[in-house]
Amino acid sequence: MKLNELSDNPGSTKNRMRVGRGIGSGKGKTGGRGVKGQKARTGVAIKGFEGGQMPLHRRLPKRGFYNPFSVDYNEVNIGRIQAAVDAGKLDESAPVTLDALIANHVSPQEQGRAQGAVSGLYSLTNILGPLIAGLAYNFISPGSIFLGFVAIMPAIVRLGGVNTQFAQFYGGTSLLILVGVVLDTLQQIESHLLMRHYDGLMKSGRIKGRSGSY
């Protein structure tokens, strides 16, 4: 191995483009710059130029700066460390390190995460709590009142001097079936009334396009 035999890996280096070396090179005459124009000249910095209007990199405001030598600090109150030692979370003989503080939930980072989670949960509860309570009251209260009335109906019938079999017949499931039948009957009556009203409008000719009168 000699000094003149040392070389880099194949393909790791590339020769620079040599322009103006004739037609056969592919980069002769204009050297890849096209024909005339501002970009064909030297000393042109046209990147970011927007035709004269205020460019984007000048329209956007400046916000602070980046300090490459900045140091992030985590302040820990000595009183909190003493409280952790008194509670047995930290060992008095062991050195107080960041890992020990985080493991025992004494670090401000850990406390900030916990406070953020609790505050987010508290705000969500404040928003959804009254809404869920109102919906539950509006939907559950009528049903609860009705079911309570169905439950005490046999006792009310017995107090009226009716025999036990009759009271059981008019209580519980029987009353629910009776209410269902009544609601279905009322719905059928309402549909029949609507049909009669519609037929009356058709015969009187008050609906345009259905009969001869307008």
Protein backbone atom coordinates (compact mmCIF):
# COMPACT_ATOMS: atom_id res chain seq x y z
CA MET A 1 0.00 0.00 0.00
CA LYS A 2 1.45 3.28 -1.15
CA LEU A 3 0.28 6.85 -0.62
CA ASN A 4 -0.70 7.27 -4.27
CA GLU A 5 -2.85 4.12 -4.08
CA LEU A 6 -5.18 5.52 -1.40
CA SER A 7 -8.63 6.40 -2.75
CA ASP A 8 -12.16 6.89 -1.49
CA ASN A 9 -14.99 4.43 -2.03
CA PRO A 10 -16.29 4.24 -5.62
CA GLY A 11 -19.12 6.72 -6.17
CA SER A 12 -18.48 8.73 -2.99
CA THR A 13 -16.98 11.67 -4.89
CA LYS A 14 -18.14 13.34 -8.08
CA ASN A 15 -16.27 15.68 -10.39
CA ARG A 16 -17.72 19.19 -10.68
CA MET A 17 -19.47 20.23 -13.87
CA ARG A 18 -17.13 22.01 -16.37
CA VAL A 19 -19.08 24.40 -18.60
CA GLY A 20 -18.12 26.09 -21.83
CA ARG A 21 -16.13 23.14 -23.20
CA GLY A 22 -17.84 22.73 -26.59
CA ILE A 23 -21.04 21.23 -27.98
CA GLY A 24 -20.02 17.65 -27.30
CA SER A 25 -19.92 18.19 -23.55
CA GLY A 26 -23.61 19.15 -23.39
CA LYS A 27 -22.78 22.25 -21.37
CA GLY A 28 -21.09 24.42 -24.00
CA LYS A 29 -21.87 27.98 -25.09
CA THR A 30 -24.49 29.09 -22.51
CA GLY A 31 -23.29 26.50 -19.96
CA GLY A 32 -26.79 25.39 -18.85
CA ARG A 33 -28.02 28.94 -18.13
CA GLY A 34 -30.34 29.29 -21.10
CA VAL A 35 -30.40 32.43 -23.25
CA LYS A 36 -29.84 35.87 -21.74
CA GLY A 37 -32.08 37.10 -18.96
CA GLN A 38 -31.40 37.97 -15.35
CA LYS A 39 -30.64 34.39 -14.36
CA ALA A 40 -28.02 34.09 -17.06
CA ARG A 41 -25.90 36.78 -15.41
CA THR A 42 -23.71 36.49 -12.34
CA GLY A 43 -24.30 38.15 -9.01
CA VAL A 44 -28.07 37.44 -8.99
CA ALA A 45 -29.88 36.44 -5.78
CA ILE A 46 -33.41 35.99 -7.06
CA LYS A 47 -34.50 33.33 -4.56
CA GLY A 48 -37.36 34.69 -2.46
CA PHE A 49 -38.04 37.56 -4.85
CA GLU A 50 -41.79 37.99 -5.54
CA GLY A 51 -41.83 40.53 -8.35
CA GLY A 52 -41.51 43.59 -6.16
CA GLN A 53 -44.18 42.90 -3.55
CA MET A 54 -43.20 42.35 0.05
CA PRO A 55 -41.74 38.81 0.14
CA LEU A 56 -42.95 36.18 2.54
CA HIS A 57 -39.80 36.15 4.64
CA ARG A 58 -40.31 39.87 5.35
CA ARG A 59 -44.10 39.76 5.77
CA LEU A 60 -43.97 37.29 8.65
CA PRO A 61 -43.19 38.83 12.07
CA LYS A 62 -40.16 37.95 14.10
CA ARG A 63 -40.80 35.98 17.25
CA GLY A 64 -38.02 35.63 19.80
CA PHE A 65 -34.78 33.80 19.18
CA TYR A 66 -33.14 30.46 19.77
CA ASN A 67 -30.52 30.27 22.46
CA PRO A 68 -28.24 27.25 21.82
CA PHE A 69 -26.76 27.58 25.32
CA SER A 70 -30.08 27.59 27.21
CA VAL A 71 -30.49 25.35 30.24
CA ASP A 72 -33.84 24.02 31.42
CA TYR A 73 -34.28 24.13 35.17
CA ASN A 74 -36.78 22.28 37.36
CA GLU A 75 -37.33 24.19 40.56
CA VAL A 76 -38.04 22.02 43.60
CA ASN A 77 -39.09 23.54 46.88
CA ILE A 78 -37.06 22.36 49.85
CA GLY A 79 -40.25 22.07 51.87
CA ARG A 80 -41.62 19.55 49.39
CA ILE A 81 -38.42 17.51 49.61
CA GLN A 82 -38.65 17.55 53.41
CA ALA A 83 -42.30 16.49 53.24
CA ALA A 84 -41.33 13.59 50.94
CA VAL A 85 -38.60 12.55 53.38
CA ASP A 86 -41.02 12.70 56.33
CA ALA A 87 -43.53 10.62 54.39
CA GLY A 88 -40.88 7.98 53.68
CA LYS A 89 -40.82 8.54 49.92
CA LEU A 90 -37.17 9.65 49.88
CA ASP A 91 -34.27 8.10 51.73
CA GLU A 92 -32.32 10.50 53.95
CA SER A 93 -29.02 8.73 53.38
CA ALA A 94 -29.38 8.58 49.56
CA PRO A 95 -28.59 11.59 47.35
CA VAL A 96 -31.55 13.54 45.98
CA THR A 97 -31.47 13.07 42.21
CA LEU A 98 -33.90 13.93 39.44
CA ASP A 99 -34.73 10.27 38.87
CA ALA A 100 -35.59 9.83 42.55
CA LEU A 101 -37.83 12.91 42.52
CA ILE A 102 -39.68 11.76 39.40
CA ALA A 103 -40.07 8.20 40.71
CA ASN A 104 -41.61 9.51 43.96
CA HIS A 105 -43.79 12.16 42.22
CA VAL A 106 -41.90 15.06 43.76
CA SER A 107 -40.60 16.59 40.51
CA PRO A 108 -42.40 19.71 39.20
CA GLN A 109 -42.69 17.99 35.82
CA GLU A 110 -44.65 15.11 37.34
CA GLN A 111 -46.75 17.50 39.41
CA GLY A 112 -47.52 19.64 36.33
CA ARG A 113 -48.70 16.62 34.37
CA ALA A 114 -50.95 15.53 37.23
CA GLN A 115 -52.39 19.02 37.70
CA GLY A 116 -53.01 19.34 33.96
CA ALA A 117 -54.86 16.02 33.83
CA VAL A 118 -56.95 16.85 36.90
CA SER A 119 -57.82 20.35 35.64
CA GLY A 120 -58.78 18.99 32.20
CA LEU A 121 -60.98 16.34 33.80
CA TYR A 122 -62.53 18.93 36.12
CA SER A 123 -63.39 21.29 33.26
CA LEU A 124 -64.88 18.41 31.23
CA THR A 125 -66.97 17.39 34.23
CA ASN A 126 -68.21 20.96 34.69
CA ILE A 127 -69.34 21.12 31.07
CA LEU A 128 -70.91 17.68 30.68
CA GLY A 129 -72.19 17.23 34.24
CA PRO A 130 -75.20 19.61 34.10
CA LEU A 131 -76.07 18.46 30.58
CA ILE A 132 -76.12 14.78 31.51
CA ALA A 133 -78.02 15.52 34.72
CA GLY A 134 -80.70 17.48 32.81
CA LEU A 135 -81.11 14.77 30.19
CA ALA A 136 -81.33 12.07 32.84
CA TYR A 137 -83.94 14.05 34.77
CA ASN A 138 -86.08 14.73 31.68
CA PHE A 139 -86.02 11.13 30.46
CA ILE A 140 -85.97 9.15 33.67
CA SER A 141 -88.34 11.15 35.91
CA PRO A 142 -91.63 10.46 34.02
CA GLY A 143 -90.80 6.77 33.69
CA SER A 144 -89.85 6.53 37.36
CA ILE A 145 -93.08 8.18 38.45
CA PHE A 146 -95.13 5.86 36.24
CA LEU A 147 -93.32 2.72 37.45
CA GLY A 148 -93.74 3.82 41.05
CA PHE A 149 -97.47 4.31 40.48
CA VAL A 150 -97.69 0.83 38.89
CA ALA A 151 -95.89 -0.68 41.88
CA ILE A 152 -98.21 0.82 44.51
CA MET A 153 -101.42 0.33 42.47
CA PRO A 154 -102.27 -3.11 43.99
CA ALA A 155 -101.91 -1.71 47.53
CA ILE A 156 -104.23 1.20 46.66
CA VAL A 157 -106.81 -1.20 45.23
CA ARG A 158 -106.63 -3.40 48.38
CA LEU A 159 -107.20 -0.36 50.60
CA GLY A 160 -110.38 0.28 48.65
CA GLY A 161 -111.86 -3.01 49.86
CA VAL A 162 -111.27 -5.01 46.66
CA ASN A 163 -110.33 -8.68 46.94
CA THR A 164 -106.72 -9.82 46.42
CA GLN A 165 -107.21 -11.48 42.99
CA PHE A 166 -108.82 -8.35 41.56
CA ALA A 167 -106.03 -6.17 42.97
CA GLN A 168 -103.36 -8.38 41.42
CA PHE A 169 -105.19 -8.30 38.08
CA TYR A 170 -105.19 -4.48 38.00
CA GLY A 171 -101.59 -4.07 39.18
CA GLY A 172 -98.13 -4.54 37.78
CA THR A 173 -97.91 -6.01 34.29
CA SER A 174 -101.63 -5.79 33.63
CA LEU A 175 -101.58 -2.03 34.08
CA LEU A 176 -98.63 -1.71 31.71
CA ILE A 177 -100.47 -3.74 29.04
CA LEU A 178 -103.56 -1.61 29.58
CA VAL A 179 -101.59 1.61 29.11
CA GLY A 180 -100.03 0.26 25.91
CA VAL A 181 -103.42 -0.67 24.49
CA VAL A 182 -104.82 2.78 25.34
CA LEU A 183 -101.91 4.57 23.67
CA ASP A 184 -102.25 2.43 20.54
CA THR A 185 -106.00 3.14 20.39
CA LEU A 186 -105.43 6.89 20.72
CA GLN A 187 -102.87 6.78 17.90
CA GLN A 188 -105.33 4.95 15.62
CA ILE A 189 -108.09 7.45 16.41
CA GLU A 190 -105.75 10.33 15.60
CA SER A 191 -104.81 8.80 12.24
CA HIS A 192 -108.50 8.29 11.35
CA LEU A 193 -109.27 11.92 12.19
CA LEU A 194 -106.42 13.12 10.00
CA MET A 195 -107.67 11.00 7.10
CA ARG A 196 -111.21 12.38 7.48
CA HIS A 197 -109.87 15.93 7.57
CA TYR A 198 -107.83 15.31 4.41
CA ASP A 199 -110.84 13.77 2.62
CA GLY A 200 -112.92 16.81 3.58
CA LEU A 201 -110.34 19.13 2.05
CA MET A 202 -110.30 17.05 -1.14
CA LYS A 203 -114.10 17.17 -1.50
CA SER A 204 -114.36 20.90 -0.81
CA GLY A 205 -111.63 21.63 -3.37
CA ARG A 206 -109.46 23.74 -1.07
CA ILE A 207 -106.29 22.01 -2.24
CA LYS A 208 -105.16 23.37 -5.60
CA GLY A 209 -104.59 20.90 -8.37
CA ARG A 210 -106.67 18.13 -6.72
CA SER A 211 -110.12 19.07 -8.02
CA GLY A 212 -111.86 21.57 -10.27
CA SER A 213 -112.28 24.55 -7.92
CA TYR A 214 -109.48 26.97 -6.99
